[in-house]
């Protein structure tokens, strides 16, 4: 595994640093899926749909995702 640096705004950086390890790992999985070679020639909406399908197969349902997002807003 390799570490990279990406530019994000202050709020995103703060939220990531304060997030629980499991949330950070979920984001890492999403980023990894996004940049896999089989997604290279697809539109963003196609990639997002496939990521959602894979996430759901791994147990991250839309309801769980919404709960995570709702928790972050508090």
N, C-alpha and C. Protein backbone atom coordinates (compact mmCIF):
# COMPACT_ATOMS: atom_id res chain seq x y z
N UNK A 1 0.85 -1.16 0.00
CA UNK A 1 0.00 0.00 0.00
C UNK A 1 0.90 1.24 0.00
N UNK A 2 0.42 2.31 -0.57
CA UNK A 2 1.18 3.54 -0.69
C UNK A 2 0.33 4.71 -0.19
N UNK A 3 0.97 5.69 0.42
CA UNK A 3 0.27 6.88 0.91
C UNK A 3 0.35 7.98 -0.14
N UNK A 4 -0.78 8.68 -0.33
CA UNK A 4 -0.82 9.83 -1.25
C UNK A 4 -1.38 11.03 -0.50
N UNK A 5 -1.21 12.19 -1.08
CA UNK A 5 -1.77 13.42 -0.53
C UNK A 5 -2.70 14.02 -1.56
N UNK A 6 -3.90 14.43 -1.12
CA UNK A 6 -4.83 15.11 -2.02
C UNK A 6 -5.24 16.42 -1.38
N UNK A 7 -5.55 17.40 -2.20
CA UNK A 7 -5.99 18.71 -1.70
C UNK A 7 -7.49 18.71 -1.50
N UNK A 8 -7.91 19.07 -0.30
CA UNK A 8 -9.33 19.21 0.04
C UNK A 8 -9.48 20.48 0.86
N UNK A 9 -10.72 20.95 1.00
CA UNK A 9 -10.90 22.15 1.81
C UNK A 9 -10.75 21.83 3.29
N UNK A 10 -10.65 22.86 4.10
CA UNK A 10 -10.38 22.73 5.53
C UNK A 10 -11.41 21.85 6.24
N UNK A 11 -12.70 22.03 5.91
CA UNK A 11 -13.75 21.28 6.58
C UNK A 11 -13.64 19.78 6.31
N UNK A 12 -13.32 19.43 5.06
CA UNK A 12 -13.18 18.02 4.70
C UNK A 12 -11.98 17.42 5.43
N UNK A 13 -10.88 18.13 5.45
CA UNK A 13 -9.68 17.64 6.14
C UNK A 13 -9.96 17.42 7.63
N UNK A 14 -10.63 18.37 8.23
CA UNK A 14 -10.96 18.27 9.66
C UNK A 14 -11.87 17.08 9.91
N UNK A 15 -12.90 16.94 9.08
CA UNK A 15 -13.84 15.83 9.25
C UNK A 15 -13.13 14.49 9.09
N UNK A 16 -12.22 14.40 8.14
CA UNK A 16 -11.49 13.15 7.93
C UNK A 16 -10.61 12.83 9.14
N UNK A 17 -9.87 13.82 9.61
CA UNK A 17 -8.99 13.59 10.77
C UNK A 17 -9.78 13.18 12.00
N UNK A 18 -10.99 13.70 12.16
CA UNK A 18 -11.79 13.41 13.34
C UNK A 18 -12.66 12.16 13.18
N UNK A 19 -12.71 11.60 11.98
CA UNK A 19 -13.55 10.43 11.72
C UNK A 19 -12.95 9.19 12.38
N UNK A 20 -13.84 8.27 12.70
CA UNK A 20 -13.41 6.99 13.25
C UNK A 20 -12.64 6.22 12.17
N UNK A 21 -11.79 5.33 12.61
CA UNK A 21 -10.94 4.56 11.68
C UNK A 21 -11.76 3.80 10.65
N UNK A 22 -12.91 3.27 11.05
CA UNK A 22 -13.71 2.51 10.07
C UNK A 22 -14.26 3.41 8.98
N UNK A 23 -14.58 4.65 9.28
CA UNK A 23 -15.05 5.59 8.25
C UNK A 23 -13.90 5.97 7.32
N UNK A 24 -12.71 6.15 7.87
CA UNK A 24 -11.55 6.45 7.04
C UNK A 24 -11.26 5.28 6.10
N UNK A 25 -11.40 4.06 6.60
CA UNK A 25 -11.16 2.88 5.78
C UNK A 25 -12.19 2.77 4.67
N UNK A 26 -13.45 3.08 4.96
CA UNK A 26 -14.49 3.04 3.93
C UNK A 26 -14.19 4.04 2.82
N UNK A 27 -13.71 5.22 3.18
CA UNK A 27 -13.34 6.21 2.17
C UNK A 27 -12.18 5.70 1.33
N UNK A 28 -11.23 5.06 1.97
CA UNK A 28 -10.09 4.49 1.24
C UNK A 28 -10.55 3.46 0.22
N UNK A 29 -11.52 2.64 0.59
CA UNK A 29 -12.06 1.64 -0.33
C UNK A 29 -12.74 2.32 -1.51
N UNK A 30 -13.52 3.36 -1.25
CA UNK A 30 -14.21 4.09 -2.32
C UNK A 30 -13.20 4.68 -3.29
N UNK A 31 -12.15 5.29 -2.77
CA UNK A 31 -11.12 5.89 -3.63
C UNK A 31 -10.43 4.81 -4.45
N UNK A 32 -10.11 3.70 -3.80
CA UNK A 32 -9.45 2.60 -4.51
C UNK A 32 -10.33 2.09 -5.65
N UNK A 33 -11.61 1.90 -5.38
CA UNK A 33 -12.53 1.44 -6.42
C UNK A 33 -12.61 2.45 -7.56
N UNK A 34 -12.64 3.73 -7.23
CA UNK A 34 -12.78 4.78 -8.23
C UNK A 34 -11.63 4.76 -9.23
N UNK A 35 -10.42 4.46 -8.76
CA UNK A 35 -9.25 4.52 -9.62
C UNK A 35 -8.81 3.17 -10.18
N UNK A 36 -9.58 2.13 -9.97
CA UNK A 36 -9.22 0.84 -10.55
C UNK A 36 -9.29 0.92 -12.07
N UNK A 37 -8.39 0.22 -12.75
CA UNK A 37 -8.32 0.30 -14.21
C UNK A 37 -9.63 0.00 -14.93
N UNK A 38 -10.46 -0.89 -14.40
CA UNK A 38 -11.69 -1.21 -15.10
C UNK A 38 -12.69 -0.05 -15.11
N UNK A 39 -12.42 1.00 -14.33
CA UNK A 39 -13.28 2.18 -14.33
C UNK A 39 -12.74 3.30 -15.22
N UNK A 40 -11.55 3.14 -15.74
CA UNK A 40 -10.86 4.23 -16.44
C UNK A 40 -11.62 4.79 -17.62
N UNK A 41 -12.33 3.97 -18.36
CA UNK A 41 -13.01 4.44 -19.57
C UNK A 41 -14.51 4.59 -19.40
N UNK A 42 -14.95 4.75 -18.16
CA UNK A 42 -16.38 4.88 -17.89
C UNK A 42 -16.71 6.28 -17.40
N UNK A 43 -17.97 6.65 -17.54
CA UNK A 43 -18.41 7.96 -17.05
C UNK A 43 -18.46 7.93 -15.53
N UNK A 44 -18.46 9.11 -14.94
CA UNK A 44 -18.52 9.21 -13.48
C UNK A 44 -19.77 8.54 -12.94
N UNK A 45 -20.90 8.72 -13.60
CA UNK A 45 -22.14 8.11 -13.11
C UNK A 45 -22.07 6.58 -13.17
N UNK A 46 -21.44 6.03 -14.21
CA UNK A 46 -21.27 4.58 -14.29
C UNK A 46 -20.37 4.08 -13.16
N UNK A 47 -19.29 4.80 -12.92
CA UNK A 47 -18.36 4.42 -11.86
C UNK A 47 -19.06 4.47 -10.51
N UNK A 48 -19.81 5.55 -10.27
CA UNK A 48 -20.50 5.69 -8.99
C UNK A 48 -21.53 4.57 -8.80
N UNK A 49 -22.22 4.20 -9.85
CA UNK A 49 -23.20 3.12 -9.76
C UNK A 49 -22.52 1.79 -9.43
N UNK A 50 -21.40 1.52 -10.07
CA UNK A 50 -20.67 0.29 -9.80
C UNK A 50 -20.09 0.29 -8.39
N UNK A 51 -19.58 1.42 -7.94
CA UNK A 51 -19.07 1.52 -6.57
C UNK A 51 -20.20 1.26 -5.59
N UNK A 52 -21.36 1.84 -5.84
CA UNK A 52 -22.51 1.63 -4.96
C UNK A 52 -22.90 0.15 -4.92
N UNK A 53 -22.90 -0.50 -6.07
CA UNK A 53 -23.23 -1.93 -6.13
C UNK A 53 -22.23 -2.75 -5.32
N UNK A 54 -20.93 -2.46 -5.50
CA UNK A 54 -19.91 -3.20 -4.76
C UNK A 54 -20.00 -2.92 -3.26
N UNK A 55 -20.25 -1.67 -2.91
CA UNK A 55 -20.37 -1.31 -1.49
C UNK A 55 -21.56 -2.04 -0.86
N UNK A 56 -22.67 -2.10 -1.58
CA UNK A 56 -23.85 -2.78 -1.05
C UNK A 56 -23.59 -4.28 -0.88
N UNK A 57 -22.87 -4.88 -1.83
CA UNK A 57 -22.53 -6.30 -1.71
C UNK A 57 -21.63 -6.54 -0.50
N UNK A 58 -20.88 -5.53 -0.10
CA UNK A 58 -19.99 -5.65 1.06
C UNK A 58 -20.67 -5.20 2.34
N UNK A 59 -21.96 -4.88 2.27
CA UNK A 59 -22.71 -4.56 3.47
C UNK A 59 -23.01 -3.10 3.69
N UNK A 60 -22.55 -2.22 2.83
CA UNK A 60 -22.83 -0.79 2.99
C UNK A 60 -24.08 -0.45 2.18
N UNK A 61 -25.23 -0.59 2.83
CA UNK A 61 -26.51 -0.31 2.16
C UNK A 61 -26.74 1.19 2.08
N UNK A 62 -27.66 1.63 1.23
CA UNK A 62 -27.99 3.06 1.17
C UNK A 62 -28.43 3.60 2.54
N UNK A 63 -29.13 2.77 3.30
CA UNK A 63 -29.59 3.20 4.63
C UNK A 63 -28.41 3.42 5.57
N UNK A 64 -27.44 2.51 5.55
CA UNK A 64 -26.26 2.66 6.40
C UNK A 64 -25.47 3.89 5.98
N UNK A 65 -25.31 4.08 4.68
CA UNK A 65 -24.60 5.26 4.18
C UNK A 65 -25.29 6.53 4.63
N UNK A 66 -26.62 6.57 4.55
CA UNK A 66 -27.34 7.76 4.98
C UNK A 66 -27.14 8.01 6.47
N UNK A 67 -27.12 6.95 7.26
CA UNK A 67 -26.87 7.08 8.70
C UNK A 67 -25.48 7.67 8.94
N UNK A 68 -24.50 7.20 8.19
CA UNK A 68 -23.13 7.73 8.32
C UNK A 68 -23.11 9.21 7.95
N UNK A 69 -23.77 9.55 6.85
CA UNK A 69 -23.80 10.95 6.43
C UNK A 69 -24.54 11.82 7.43
N UNK A 70 -25.64 11.31 7.99
CA UNK A 70 -26.39 12.06 9.00
C UNK A 70 -25.55 12.29 10.25
N UNK A 71 -24.78 11.26 10.65
CA UNK A 71 -23.90 11.40 11.81
C UNK A 71 -22.86 12.48 11.60
N UNK A 72 -22.37 12.60 10.38
CA UNK A 72 -21.34 13.60 10.07
C UNK A 72 -21.88 15.02 10.12
N UNK A 73 -23.18 15.19 9.92
CA UNK A 73 -23.77 16.53 9.92
C UNK A 73 -23.94 17.08 11.33
N UNK A 74 -23.91 16.22 12.32
CA UNK A 74 -24.12 16.66 13.71
C UNK A 74 -22.89 17.25 14.32
